[in-house]
Amino acid sequence: MPHITLLALPHALASSLSLPMEMLTAADQLARAQRPLHSPADKQQGLQHDVVGPDGHEAVMANGLTLKLSGRPSDIERTDLLIVPALWRNPLTIVRQQQELLPWLRQLAMRDSLLCAVGTGSFLLAEAGLLDGLPATTHWFYFDQFARRYPQVNLRRRHLITEAGHLFCAGSVNSVADLTIHFIGKFYGPQIARKVEAQFSPEIRRPFEMHAYSLGHGDVHGDELVAQAQDYLRRRYPESLRMPALAEQLGISPRSLNRRFKEATGMSPSEYLQQQRLNSARDLLRTSNLSIAEVAAACGYGDADYFCRLFTATMNQTPRTYREAARGKLFTVDPTRT
């Protein structure tokens, strides 16, 4: 089970820590409920987390809430995921006050911990020099200040999420919810991730893969041939595609393509294609008035019944239910009341 560390800083936004932690806790509870227990000790094996801060005892957040801390940052030598909170108002005030955190952040990065900065929390990663030459984002209000102070960072003003290896930035608290679904998929698998997503307002979410900026356009694995295959599948997913034909086009055998693709991405080419199609289907269900059959056809599924079965198995709800949930909380202005 993963170990999560929350960095609680004075005057940070509590929601930038509590929301991802609540989502990760929900994922852990779902995973444990599905896991067969072989001994009473299994019940105790779950998500581990620490809340650390400079004081070591408590941290008063921007909204006045006081968080009880489990220790200081130096107590954590390694973690699977560190969440750096959004800083309220001018982030440079906190950055200047918390210079002792910078060596610790570098240490975690060297040990391959995932580091996730929410909003202006990215200032701390940049101050530590971790984002030099890499893509990053921050809260939109502080774009210019960030760019002036850290000109060596590749600021992505049009992206709410960036990924550069083990370093992630989310431009807002809503964006960190999308990113947390991505982390849940890494830690617990896609089925658990989809269940948690359904519980936490799917109508305001877009999949991480659809709107995050990843170093190398999402192909950080370094296999150029696989990157070509990914690009082809992303562009041609609505069409009727056969993996043997793709392998022939790339000049390798289907078996070699499957092996290299799985080594680089953790999934087969067919699974990657399904991911692209289902992500597009979710977007169309939220934003268009196409019928279910028309959505299926637009995403490369000639058989609408098969699409419905696959969507239901993946999302744990039918396309129609997903659309109703996504639109049920949307609102429009009543012109008679303006």
C-alpha atoms as a PDB file:
ATOM      1  CA  MET A   1       0.000   0.000   0.000  1.00  0.00           C
ATOM      2  CA  PRO A   2       1.265   3.510  -0.776  1.00  0.00           C
ATOM      3  CA  HIS A   3       2.699   5.920   1.734  1.00  0.00           C
ATOM      4  CA  ILE A   4       1.404   9.472   1.322  1.00  0.00           C
ATOM      5  CA  THR A   5       2.958  12.567   2.887  1.00  0.00           C
ATOM      6  CA  LEU A   6       1.055  15.847   3.217  1.00  0.00           C
ATOM      7  CA  LEU A   7       3.122  18.992   3.694  1.00  0.00           C
ATOM      8  CA  ALA A   8       1.082  21.301   5.930  1.00  0.00           C
ATOM      9  CA  LEU A   9       2.373  24.859   5.751  1.00  0.00           C
ATOM     10  CA  PRO A  10       1.030  27.896   7.620  1.00  0.00           C
ATOM     11  CA  HIS A  11      -1.633  29.786   5.650  1.00  0.00           C
ATOM     12  CA  ALA A  12      -1.893  27.100   2.957  1.00  0.00           C
ATOM     13  CA  LEU A  13      -5.250  26.012   1.517  1.00  0.00           C
ATOM     14  CA  ALA A  14      -6.510  23.080   3.557  1.00  0.00           C
ATOM     15  CA  SER A  15      -8.598  21.790   0.642  1.00  0.00           C
ATOM     16  CA  SER A  16      -5.477  21.292  -1.469  1.00  0.00           C
ATOM     17  CA  LEU A  17      -4.466  18.606   1.026  1.00  0.00           C
ATOM     18  CA  SER A  18      -7.797  17.298   2.288  1.00  0.00           C
ATOM     19  CA  LEU A  19      -9.409  16.664  -1.113  1.00  0.00           C
ATOM     20  CA  PRO A  20      -6.677  14.410  -2.543  1.00  0.00           C
ATOM     21  CA  MET A  21      -6.358  12.647   0.814  1.00  0.00           C
ATOM     22  CA  GLU A  22     -10.096  11.943   0.947  1.00  0.00           C
ATOM     23  CA  MET A  23      -9.975  10.538  -2.585  1.00  0.00           C
ATOM     24  CA  LEU A  24      -6.944   8.361  -1.806  1.00  0.00           C
ATOM     25  CA  THR A  25      -8.619   7.114   1.370  1.00  0.00           C
ATOM     26  CA  ALA A  26     -11.744   6.194  -0.603  1.00  0.00           C
ATOM     27  CA  ALA A  27      -9.577   4.286  -3.091  1.00  0.00           C
ATOM     28  CA  ASP A  28      -7.837   2.417  -0.296  1.00  0.00           C
ATOM     29  CA  GLN A  29     -11.131   1.449   1.321  1.00  0.00           C
ATOM     30  CA  LEU A  30     -12.482   0.161  -1.998  1.00  0.00           C
ATOM     31  CA  ALA A  31      -9.307  -1.810  -2.646  1.00  0.00           C
ATOM     32  CA  ARG A  32      -9.323  -3.378   0.817  1.00  0.00           C
ATOM     33  CA  ALA A  33     -12.978  -4.321   0.484  1.00  0.00           C
ATOM     34  CA  GLN A  34     -12.175  -6.210  -2.704  1.00  0.00           C
ATOM     35  CA  ARG A  35      -9.031  -7.884  -1.402  1.00  0.00           C
ATOM     36  CA  PRO A  36      -9.445 -11.362   0.155  1.00  0.00           C
ATOM     37  CA  LEU A  37      -8.254 -11.443   3.749  1.00  0.00           C
ATOM     38  CA  HIS A  38      -6.042 -14.356   4.731  1.00  0.00           C
ATOM     39  CA  SER A  39      -5.378 -13.249   8.292  1.00  0.00           C
ATOM     40  CA  PRO A  40      -6.574 -10.611  10.793  1.00  0.00           C
ATOM     41  CA  ALA A  41      -3.362  -8.698  10.107  1.00  0.00           C
ATOM     42  CA  ASP A  42      -4.532  -8.062   6.543  1.00  0.00           C
ATOM     43  CA  LYS A  43      -7.193  -5.731   7.878  1.00  0.00           C
ATOM     44  CA  GLN A  44      -4.470  -3.463   9.248  1.00  0.00           C
ATOM     45  CA  GLN A  45      -2.598  -3.182   5.955  1.00  0.00           C
ATOM     46  CA  GLY A  46      -3.849  -0.062   4.268  1.00  0.00           C
ATOM     47  CA  LEU A  47      -2.927   3.410   3.161  1.00  0.00           C
ATOM     48  CA  GLN A  48      -0.267   5.034   5.316  1.00  0.00           C
ATOM     49  CA  HIS A  49       0.021   8.785   5.567  1.00  0.00           C
ATOM     50  CA  ASP A  50       1.880  11.448   7.474  1.00  0.00           C
ATOM     51  CA  VAL A  51       1.076  15.127   7.881  1.00  0.00           C
ATOM     52  CA  VAL A  52       4.284  17.053   8.435  1.00  0.00           C
ATOM     53  CA  GLY A  53       5.144  20.711   8.835  1.00  0.00           C
ATOM     54  CA  PRO A  54       7.869  23.040  10.087  1.00  0.00           C
ATOM     55  CA  ASP A  55       6.368  23.283  13.569  1.00  0.00           C
ATOM     56  CA  GLY A  56       6.210  19.528  14.010  1.00  0.00           C
ATOM     57  CA  HIS A  57       3.073  19.763  16.160  1.00  0.00           C
ATOM     58  CA  GLU A  58       0.371  21.743  14.368  1.00  0.00           C
ATOM     59  CA  ALA A  59      -0.247  23.994  11.382  1.00  0.00           C
ATOM     60  CA  VAL A  60      -2.907  26.705  11.103  1.00  0.00           C
ATOM     61  CA  MET A  61      -4.262  26.770   7.567  1.00  0.00           C
ATOM     62  CA  ALA A  62      -5.568  29.749   5.606  1.00  0.00           C
ATOM     63  CA  ASN A  63      -9.171  29.085   6.658  1.00  0.00           C
ATOM     64  CA  GLY A  64      -8.265  28.927  10.359  1.00  0.00           C
ATOM     65  CA  LEU A  65      -8.372  25.129  10.638  1.00  0.00           C
ATOM     66  CA  THR A  66      -5.580  23.644  12.716  1.00  0.00           C
ATOM     67  CA  LEU A  67      -4.011  20.419  11.483  1.00  0.00           C
ATOM     68  CA  LYS A  68      -2.317  18.096  13.954  1.00  0.00           C
ATOM     69  CA  LEU A  69       1.073  17.072  12.597  1.00  0.00           C
ATOM     70  CA  SER A  70       2.795  13.714  12.900  1.00  0.00           C
ATOM     71  CA  GLY A  71       6.243  15.307  12.749  1.00  0.00           C
ATOM     72  CA  ARG A  72       8.618  17.483  10.776  1.00  0.00           C
ATOM     73  CA  PRO A  73       9.523  17.080   7.093  1.00  0.00           C
ATOM     74  CA  SER A  74      12.998  15.828   8.027  1.00  0.00           C
ATOM     75  CA  ASP A  75      11.330  12.804   9.661  1.00  0.00           C
ATOM     76  CA  ILE A  76      10.309  11.566   6.194  1.00  0.00           C
ATOM     77  CA  GLU A  77      13.234  10.136   4.252  1.00  0.00           C
ATOM     78  CA  ARG A  78      11.141   8.683   1.469  1.00  0.00           C
ATOM     79  CA  THR A  79       7.482   8.570   0.487  1.00  0.00           C
ATOM     80  CA  ASP A  80       5.492   7.293  -2.466  1.00  0.00           C
ATOM     81  CA  LEU A  81       3.718  10.618  -2.925  1.00  0.00           C
ATOM     82  CA  LEU A  82       4.273  14.057  -1.423  1.00  0.00           C
ATOM     83  CA  ILE A  83       1.536  16.674  -1.805  1.00  0.00           C
ATOM     84  CA  VAL A  84       2.723  20.282  -1.553  1.00  0.00           C
ATOM     85  CA  PRO A  85      -0.261  22.542  -0.819  1.00  0.00           C
ATOM     86  CA  ALA A  86      -1.456  25.705  -2.537  1.00  0.00           C
ATOM     87  CA  LEU A  87      -0.131  28.783  -0.750  1.00  0.00           C
ATOM     88  CA  TRP A  88      -2.604  31.544   0.059  1.00  0.00           C
ATOM     89  CA  ARG A  89      -1.866  34.980  -1.372  1.00  0.00           C
ATOM     90  CA  ASN A  90       1.695  35.927  -2.297  1.00  0.00           C
ATOM     91  CA  PRO A  91       3.573  32.600  -2.399  1.00  0.00           C
ATOM     92  CA  LEU A  92       7.008  34.259  -2.151  1.00  0.00           C
ATOM     93  CA  THR A  93       6.336  35.096   1.493  1.00  0.00           C
ATOM     94  CA  ILE A  94       6.115  31.411   2.379  1.00  0.00           C
ATOM     95  CA  VAL A  95       8.939  30.501  -0.015  1.00  0.00           C
ATOM     96  CA  ARG A  96      11.300  32.901   1.745  1.00  0.00           C
ATOM     97  CA  GLN A  97      10.246  31.625   5.169  1.00  0.00           C
ATOM     98  CA  GLN A  98      10.615  27.938   4.279  1.00  0.00           C
ATOM     99  CA  GLN A  99      14.067  27.754   2.693  1.00  0.00           C
ATOM    100  CA  GLU A 100      14.974  24.820   4.953  1.00  0.00           C
ATOM    101  CA  LEU A 101      12.456  22.692   3.044  1.00  0.00           C
ATOM    102  CA  LEU A 102      14.414  22.901  -0.211  1.00  0.00           C
ATOM    103  CA  PRO A 103      17.120  20.289   0.566  1.00  0.00           C
ATOM    104  CA  TRP A 104      14.401  17.923   1.789  1.00  0.00           C
ATOM    105  CA  LEU A 105      12.429  18.322  -1.436  1.00  0.00           C
ATOM    106  CA  ARG A 106      15.573  17.604  -3.452  1.00  0.00           C
ATOM    107  CA  GLN A 107      16.220  14.517  -1.346  1.00  0.00           C
ATOM    108  CA  LEU A 108      12.744  13.127  -1.989  1.00  0.00           C
ATOM    109  CA  ALA A 109      13.086  13.827  -5.706  1.00  0.00           C
ATOM    110  CA  MET A 110      16.424  11.996  -5.826  1.00  0.00           C
ATOM    111  CA  ARG A 111      14.757   8.991  -4.203  1.00  0.00           C
ATOM    112  CA  ASP A 112      12.078   8.866  -6.922  1.00  0.00           C
ATOM    113  CA  SER A 113       9.171   9.936  -4.746  1.00  0.00           C
ATOM    114  CA  LEU A 114       6.257  11.424  -6.665  1.00  0.00           C
ATOM    115  CA  LEU A 115       6.055  15.140  -5.885  1.00  0.00           C
ATOM    116  CA  CYS A 116       2.756  16.897  -6.540  1.00  0.00           C
ATOM    117  CA  ALA A 117       2.511  20.673  -6.116  1.00  0.00           C
ATOM    118  CA  VAL A 118      -0.960  22.220  -5.997  1.00  0.00           C
ATOM    119  CA  GLY A 119      -1.441  25.767  -7.296  1.00  0.00           C
ATOM    120  CA  THR A 120       1.300  28.069  -6.041  1.00  0.00           C
ATOM    121  CA  GLY A 121       2.937  25.155  -4.244  1.00  0.00           C
ATOM    122  CA  SER A 122       4.906  24.832  -7.477  1.00  0.00           C
ATOM    123  CA  PHE A 123       6.933  27.859  -6.336  1.00  0.00           C
ATOM    124  CA  LEU A 124       8.597  25.618  -3.744  1.00  0.00           C
ATOM    125  CA  LEU A 125       9.556  22.986  -6.322  1.00  0.00           C
ATOM    126  CA  ALA A 126      10.925  25.706  -8.590  1.00  0.00           C
ATOM    127  CA  GLU A 127      12.793  27.372  -5.709  1.00  0.00           C
ATOM    128  CA  ALA A 128      14.461  24.021  -5.023  1.00  0.00           C
ATOM    129  CA  GLY A 129      15.652  23.924  -8.627  1.00  0.00           C
ATOM    130  CA  LEU A 130      13.682  20.761  -9.351  1.00  0.00           C
ATOM    131  CA  LEU A 131      11.783  22.255 -12.295  1.00  0.00           C
ATOM    132  CA  ASP A 132      14.725  23.740 -14.174  1.00  0.00           C
ATOM    133  CA  GLY A 133      14.325  22.991 -17.878  1.00  0.00           C
ATOM    134  CA  LEU A 134      11.059  21.151 -17.241  1.00  0.00           C
ATOM    135  CA  PRO A 135       7.388  21.944 -17.875  1.00  0.00           C
ATOM    136  CA  ALA A 136       5.391  23.279 -14.934  1.00  0.00           C
ATOM    137  CA  THR A 137       2.278  25.252 -14.163  1.00  0.00           C
ATOM    138  CA  THR A 138       0.942  27.261 -11.249  1.00  0.00           C
ATOM    139  CA  HIS A 139      -2.116  29.304 -10.284  1.00  0.00           C
ATOM    140  CA  TRP A 140      -3.010  31.576 -13.197  1.00  0.00           C
ATOM    141  CA  PHE A 141      -2.896  34.757 -11.084  1.00  0.00           C
ATOM    142  CA  TYR A 142       0.828  34.229 -10.424  1.00  0.00           C
ATOM    143  CA  PHE A 143       1.965  33.246 -13.935  1.00  0.00           C
ATOM    144  CA  ASP A 144       3.945  36.430 -14.527  1.00  0.00           C
ATOM    145  CA  GLN A 145       5.558  36.392 -11.090  1.00  0.00           C
ATOM    146  CA  PHE A 146       6.523  32.743 -11.526  1.00  0.00           C
ATOM    147  CA  ALA A 147       7.983  33.389 -14.985  1.00  0.00           C
ATOM    148  CA  ARG A 148      10.068  36.342 -13.746  1.00  0.00           C
ATOM    149  CA  ARG A 149      11.492  34.491 -10.751  1.00  0.00           C
ATOM    150  CA  TYR A 150      12.063  31.158 -12.514  1.00  0.00           C
ATOM    151  CA  PRO A 151      12.875  31.919 -16.176  1.00  0.00           C
ATOM    152  CA  GLN A 152      14.622  28.554 -16.495  1.00  0.00           C
ATOM    153  CA  VAL A 153      11.306  26.703 -15.958  1.00  0.00           C
ATOM    154  CA  ASN A 154       9.114  25.921 -18.979  1.00  0.00           C
ATOM    155  CA  LEU A 155       5.899  27.522 -17.708  1.00  0.00           C
ATOM    156  CA  ARG A 156       2.842  26.016 -19.432  1.00  0.00           C
ATOM    157  CA  ARG A 157       0.220  28.749 -19.161  1.00  0.00           C
ATOM    158  CA  ARG A 158      -2.411  26.802 -21.116  1.00  0.00           C
ATOM    159  CA  HIS A 159      -2.238  23.607 -19.085  1.00  0.00           C
ATOM    160  CA  LEU A 160      -3.788  22.988 -15.681  1.00  0.00           C
ATOM    161  CA  ILE A 161      -1.623  19.903 -15.102  1.00  0.00           C
ATOM    162  CA  THR A 162       1.967  19.163 -16.023  1.00  0.00           C
ATOM    163  CA  GLU A 163       4.028  16.022 -15.642  1.00  0.00           C
ATOM    164  CA  ALA A 164       7.808  15.754 -15.835  1.00  0.00           C
ATOM    165  CA  GLY A 165       8.869  12.323 -14.698  1.00  0.00           C
ATOM    166  CA  HIS A 166       8.140  12.185 -10.954  1.00  0.00           C
ATOM    167  CA  LEU A 167       7.232  15.887 -10.734  1.00  0.00           C
ATOM    168  CA  PHE A 168       3.615  16.998 -11.115  1.00  0.00           C
ATOM    169  CA  CYS A 169       2.015  20.437 -10.921  1.00  0.00           C
ATOM    170  CA  ALA A 170      -1.729  21.157 -10.724  1.00  0.00           C
ATOM    171  CA  GLY A 171      -2.862  24.713 -11.329  1.00  0.00           C
ATOM    172  CA  SER A 172      -5.824  24.581  -8.945  1.00  0.00           C
ATOM    173  CA  VAL A 173      -7.580  22.494  -6.310  1.00  0.00           C
ATOM    174  CA  ASN A 174     -10.030  21.214  -8.942  1.00  0.00           C
ATOM    175  CA  SER A 175      -7.087  20.142 -11.097  1.00  0.00           C
ATOM    176  CA  VAL A 176      -5.495  18.189  -8.269  1.00  0.00           C
ATOM    177  CA  ALA A 177      -8.682  16.109  -8.151  1.00  0.00           C
ATOM    178  CA  ASP A 178      -8.047  15.065 -11.765  1.00  0.00           C
ATOM    179  CA  LEU A 179      -4.420  14.375 -10.930  1.00  0.00           C
ATOM    180  CA  THR A 180      -5.355  12.343  -7.860  1.00  0.00           C
ATOM    181  CA  ILE A 181      -7.433  10.031 -10.066  1.00  0.00           C
ATOM    182  CA  HIS A 182      -4.243   9.497 -12.077  1.00  0.00           C
ATOM    183  CA  PHE A 183      -2.300   8.626  -8.896  1.00  0.00           C
ATOM    184  CA  ILE A 184      -5.048   6.268  -7.759  1.00  0.00           C
ATOM    185  CA  GLY A 185      -4.765   4.491 -11.091  1.00  0.00           C
ATOM    186  CA  LYS A 186      -1.027   4.051 -10.489  1.00  0.00           C
ATOM    187  CA  PHE A 187      -1.432   2.806  -6.919  1.00  0.00           C
ATOM    188  CA  TYR A 188      -4.671   0.819  -7.104  1.00  0.00           C
ATOM    189  CA  GLY A 189      -5.437   0.227 -10.776  1.00  0.00           C
ATOM    190  CA  PRO A 190      -7.904   1.715 -13.278  1.00  0.00           C
ATOM    191  CA  GLN A 191     -11.031   0.033 -11.913  1.00  0.00           C
ATOM    192  CA  ILE A 192     -10.615   1.586  -8.462  1.00  0.00           C
ATOM    193  CA  ALA A 193      -9.738   4.923 -10.078  1.00  0.00           C
ATOM    194  CA  ARG A 194     -12.968   4.916 -12.097  1.00  0.00           C
ATOM    195  CA  LYS A 195     -15.041   4.102  -9.000  1.00  0.00           C
ATOM    196  CA  VAL A 196     -13.506   6.948  -7.031  1.00  0.00           C
ATOM    197  CA  GLU A 197     -13.978   9.307  -9.955  1.00  0.00           C
ATOM    198  CA  ALA A 198     -17.670   8.411 -10.103  1.00  0.00           C
ATOM    199  CA  GLN A 199     -18.007   9.269  -6.405  1.00  0.00           C
ATOM    200  CA  PHE A 200     -16.240  12.622  -6.681  1.00  0.00           C
ATOM    201  CA  SER A 201     -18.313  14.575  -9.225  1.00  0.00           C
ATOM    202  CA  PRO A 202     -17.449  13.179 -12.663  1.00  0.00           C
ATOM    203  CA  GLU A 203     -19.240  16.098 -14.317  1.00  0.00           C
ATOM    204  CA  ILE A 204     -16.385  18.489 -13.572  1.00  0.00           C
ATOM    205  CA  ARG A 205     -13.556  16.118 -14.402  1.00  0.00           C
ATOM    206  CA  ARG A 206     -11.578  15.514 -17.551  1.00  0.00           C
ATOM    207  CA  PRO A 207      -9.188  12.569 -17.627  1.00  0.00           C
ATOM    208  CA  PHE A 208      -5.575  13.371 -16.790  1.00  0.00           C
ATOM    209  CA  GLU A 209      -4.462  12.015 -20.171  1.00  0.00           C
ATOM    210  CA  MET A 210      -6.691  14.459 -22.058  1.00  0.00           C
ATOM    211  CA  HIS A 211      -5.496  17.765 -20.648  1.00  0.00           C
ATOM    212  CA  ALA A 212      -2.178  17.285 -18.889  1.00  0.00           C
ATOM    213  CA  TYR A 213       1.081  18.430 -20.431  1.00  0.00           C
ATOM    214  CA  SER A 214       3.623  15.646 -20.090  1.00  0.00           C
ATOM    215  CA  LEU A 215       7.295  16.002 -20.898  1.00  0.00           C
ATOM    216  CA  GLY A 216       7.719  14.474 -24.344  1.00  0.00           C
ATOM    217  CA  HIS A 217       3.950  14.786 -24.989  1.00  0.00           C
ATOM    218  CA  GLY A 218       3.191  11.902 -22.656  1.00  0.00           C
ATOM    219  CA  ASP A 219       5.882   9.656 -24.119  1.00  0.00           C
ATOM    220  CA  VAL A 220       8.479   9.942 -21.364  1.00  0.00           C
ATOM    221  CA  HIS A 221       9.526   6.310 -21.726  1.00  0.00           C
ATOM    222  CA  GLY A 222      12.107   7.060 -24.418  1.00  0.00           C
ATOM    223  CA  ASP A 223      11.087   4.368 -26.926  1.00  0.00           C
ATOM    224  CA  GLU A 224      10.719   6.329 -30.152  1.00  0.00           C
ATOM    225  CA  LEU A 225       8.933   3.539 -32.001  1.00  0.00           C
ATOM    226  CA  VAL A 226       6.335   3.191 -29.244  1.00  0.00           C
ATOM    227  CA  ALA A 227       5.907   6.980 -29.228  1.00  0.00           C
ATOM    228  CA  GLN A 228       5.146   6.786 -32.951  1.00  0.00           C
ATOM    229  CA  ALA A 229       2.586   4.055 -32.276  1.00  0.00           C
ATOM    230  CA  GLN A 230       0.960   6.142 -29.523  1.00  0.00           C
ATOM    231  CA  ASP A 231       0.764   9.177 -31.779  1.00  0.00           C
ATOM    232  CA  TYR A 232      -0.833   7.074 -34.526  1.00  0.00           C
ATOM    233  CA  LEU A 233      -3.419   5.610 -32.149  1.00  0.00           C
ATOM    234  CA  ARG A 234      -4.263   9.027 -30.671  1.00  0.00           C
ATOM    235  CA  ARG A 235      -4.863  10.501 -34.127  1.00  0.00           C
ATOM    236  CA  ARG A 236      -6.665   7.568 -35.691  1.00  0.00           C
ATOM    237  CA  TYR A 237      -8.671   6.111 -32.788  1.00  0.00           C
ATOM    238  CA  PRO A 238     -12.110   6.733 -34.437  1.00  0.00           C
ATOM    239  CA  GLU A 239     -11.115   4.491 -37.327  1.00  0.00           C
ATOM    240  CA  SER A 240     -11.215   0.720 -37.606  1.00  0.00           C
ATOM    241  CA  LEU A 241      -7.660  -0.190 -36.587  1.00  0.00           C
ATOM    242  CA  ARG A 242      -5.807  -3.505 -36.550  1.00  0.00           C
ATOM    243  CA  MET A 243      -2.649  -3.916 -34.514  1.00  0.00           C
ATOM    244  CA  PRO A 244      -0.949  -6.255 -37.048  1.00  0.00           C
ATOM    245  CA  ALA A 245      -1.352  -3.542 -39.698  1.00  0.00           C
ATOM    246  CA  LEU A 246       0.146  -0.960 -37.319  1.00  0.00           C
ATOM    247  CA  ALA A 247       3.078  -3.274 -36.580  1.00  0.00           C
ATOM    248  CA  GLU A 248       3.676  -3.796 -40.298  1.00  0.00           C
ATOM    249  CA  GLN A 249       3.630  -0.042 -40.864  1.00  0.00           C
ATOM    250  CA  LEU A 250       6.262   0.378 -38.124  1.00  0.00           C
ATOM    251  CA  GLY A 251       8.393  -2.395 -39.571  1.00  0.00           C
ATOM    252  CA  ILE A 252       8.245  -4.855 -36.670  1.00  0.00           C
ATOM    253  CA  SER A 253       6.268  -7.962 -35.796  1.00  0.00           C
ATOM    254  CA  PRO A 254       2.974  -7.721 -33.868  1.00  0.00           C
ATOM    255  CA  ARG A 255       4.582  -9.662 -31.023  1.00  0.00           C
ATOM    256  CA  SER A 256       7.517  -7.212 -30.803  1.00  0.00           C
ATOM    257  CA  LEU A 257       5.155  -4.233 -30.935  1.00  0.00           C
ATOM    258  CA  ASN A 258       3.055  -5.651 -28.106  1.00  0.00           C
ATOM    259  CA  ARG A 259       6.129  -6.418 -25.976  1.00  0.00           C
ATOM    260  CA  ARG A 260       7.804  -3.040 -26.467  1.00  0.00           C
ATOM    261  CA  PHE A 261       4.548  -1.114 -26.032  1.00  0.00           C
ATOM    262  CA  LYS A 262       3.802  -2.892 -22.757  1.00  0.00           C
ATOM    263  CA  GLU A 263       7.335  -2.400 -21.453  1.00  0.00           C
ATOM    264  CA  ALA A 264       7.165   1.325 -22.220  1.00  0.00           C
ATOM    265  CA  THR A 265       3.601   2.171 -21.161  1.00  0.00           C
ATOM    266  CA  GLY A 266       2.400  -0.663 -18.927  1.00  0.00           C
ATOM    267  CA  MET A 267      -0.402  -1.575 -21.320  1.00  0.00           C
ATOM    268  CA  SER A 268      -0.870  -3.239 -24.687  1.00  0.00           C
ATOM    269  CA  PRO A 269      -1.532  -1.230 -27.874  1.00  0.00           C
ATOM    270  CA  SER A 270      -5.144  -2.470 -27.851  1.00  0.00           C
ATOM    271  CA  GLU A 271      -5.618  -1.337 -24.253  1.00  0.00           C
ATOM    272  CA  TYR A 272      -4.127   2.054 -25.108  1.00  0.00           C
ATOM    273  CA  LEU A 273      -6.515   2.362 -28.053  1.00  0.00           C
ATOM    274  CA  GLN A 274      -9.481   1.525 -25.823  1.00  0.00           C
ATOM    275  CA  GLN A 275      -8.315   4.169 -23.345  1.00  0.00           C
ATOM    276  CA  GLN A 276      -8.251   6.833 -26.058  1.00  0.00           C
ATOM    277  CA  ARG A 277     -11.697   5.837 -27.322  1.00  0.00           C
ATOM    278  CA  LEU A 278     -13.309   5.736 -23.882  1.00  0.00           C
ATOM    279  CA  ASN A 279     -11.762   9.071 -22.860  1.00  0.00           C
ATOM    280  CA  SER A 280     -13.236  10.627 -25.989  1.00  0.00           C
ATOM    281  CA  ALA A 281     -16.588   8.971 -25.309  1.00  0.00           C
ATOM    282  CA  ARG A 282     -16.719  10.423 -21.815  1.00  0.00           C
ATOM    283  CA  ASP A 283     -16.000  13.874 -23.198  1.00  0.00           C
ATOM    284  CA  LEU A 284     -18.755  13.567 -25.813  1.00  0.00           C
ATOM    285  CA  LEU A 285     -21.256  12.270 -23.269  1.00  0.00           C
ATOM    286  CA  ARG A 286     -20.593  15.337 -21.114  1.00  0.00           C
ATOM    287  CA  THR A 287     -20.478  17.993 -23.790  1.00  0.00           C
ATOM    288  CA  SER A 288     -22.552  16.890 -26.789  1.00  0.00           C
ATOM    289  CA  ASN A 289     -26.152  15.970 -27.603  1.00  0.00           C
ATOM    290  CA  LEU A 290     -25.148  12.958 -29.679  1.00  0.00           C
ATOM    291  CA  SER A 291     -27.119   9.799 -29.031  1.00  0.00           C
ATOM    292  CA  ILE A 292     -25.344   6.886 -27.342  1.00  0.00           C
ATOM    293  CA  ALA A 293     -25.072   5.119 -30.702  1.00  0.00           C
ATOM    294  CA  GLU A 294     -23.638   8.255 -32.305  1.00  0.00           C
ATOM    295  CA  VAL A 295     -21.088   8.622 -29.504  1.00  0.00           C
ATOM    296  CA  ALA A 296     -20.086   5.008 -29.985  1.00  0.00           C
ATOM    297  CA  ALA A 297     -19.627   5.483 -33.731  1.00  0.00           C
ATOM    298  CA  ALA A 298     -17.686   8.727 -33.294  1.00  0.00           C
ATOM    299  CA  CYS A 299     -15.233   6.938 -31.009  1.00  0.00           C
ATOM    300  CA  GLY A 300     -14.592   3.963 -33.260  1.00  0.00           C
ATOM    301  CA  TYR A 301     -17.180   1.484 -31.999  1.00  0.00           C
ATOM    302  CA  GLY A 302     -19.362   0.102 -34.770  1.00  0.00           C
ATOM    303  CA  ASP A 303     -21.427  -1.904 -32.277  1.00  0.00           C
ATOM    304  CA  ALA A 304     -23.243   0.360 -29.807  1.00  0.00           C
ATOM    305  CA  ASP A 305     -24.168  -2.571 -27.551  1.00  0.00           C
ATOM    306  CA  TYR A 306     -20.516  -3.585 -27.265  1.00  0.00           C
ATOM    307  CA  PHE A 307     -19.599   0.030 -26.489  1.00  0.00           C
ATOM    308  CA  CYS A 308     -22.206   0.142 -23.710  1.00  0.00           C
ATOM    309  CA  ARG A 309     -20.945  -3.092 -22.172  1.00  0.00           C
ATOM    310  CA  LEU A 310     -17.314  -1.945 -22.315  1.00  0.00           C
ATOM    311  CA  PHE A 311     -18.111   1.514 -20.943  1.00  0.00           C
ATOM    312  CA  THR A 312     -20.141   0.003 -18.083  1.00  0.00           C
ATOM    313  CA  ALA A 313     -17.388  -2.467 -17.199  1.00  0.00           C
ATOM    314  CA  THR A 314     -14.801   0.321 -17.149  1.00  0.00           C
ATOM    315  CA  MET A 315     -16.772   3.112 -15.482  1.00  0.00           C
ATOM    316  CA  ASN A 316     -19.093   0.999 -13.311  1.00  0.00           C
ATOM    317  CA  GLN A 317     -22.070   2.832 -14.776  1.00  0.00           C
ATOM    318  CA  THR A 318     -23.813   2.884 -18.128  1.00  0.00           C
ATOM    319  CA  PRO A 319     -23.164   5.662 -20.655  1.00  0.00           C
ATOM    320  CA  ARG A 320     -26.660   7.006 -20.031  1.00  0.00           C
ATOM    321  CA  THR A 321     -26.176   7.049 -16.254  1.00  0.00           C
ATOM    322  CA  TYR A 322     -22.796   8.721 -16.681  1.00  0.00           C
ATOM    323  CA  ARG A 323     -24.326  11.419 -18.898  1.00  0.00           C
ATOM    324  CA  GLU A 324     -27.181  12.048 -16.444  1.00  0.00           C
ATOM    325  CA  ALA A 325     -24.743  12.335 -13.522  1.00  0.00           C
ATOM    326  CA  ALA A 326     -22.472  14.632 -15.486  1.00  0.00           C
ATOM    327  CA  ARG A 327     -25.291  16.929 -16.554  1.00  0.00           C
ATOM    328  CA  GLY A 328     -27.396  16.743 -13.425  1.00  0.00           C
ATOM    329  CA  LYS A 329     -25.283  19.342 -11.660  1.00  0.00           C
ATOM    330  CA  LEU A 330     -24.795  21.643 -14.611  1.00  0.00           C
ATOM    331  CA  PHE A 331     -26.955  24.764 -14.631  1.00  0.00           C
ATOM    332  CA  THR A 332     -28.206  27.306 -17.102  1.00  0.00           C
ATOM    333  CA  VAL A 333     -29.469  30.822 -16.550  1.00  0.00           C
ATOM    334  CA  ASP A 334     -33.221  31.216 -16.650  1.00  0.00           C
ATOM    335  CA  PRO A 335     -33.754  34.226 -18.965  1.00  0.00           C
ATOM    336  CA  THR A 336     -37.055  35.077 -17.225  1.00  0.00           C
ATOM    337  CA  ARG A 337     -35.089  35.831 -14.022  1.00  0.00           C
ATOM    338  CA  THR A 338     -32.427  38.112 -15.442  1.00  0.00           C
END
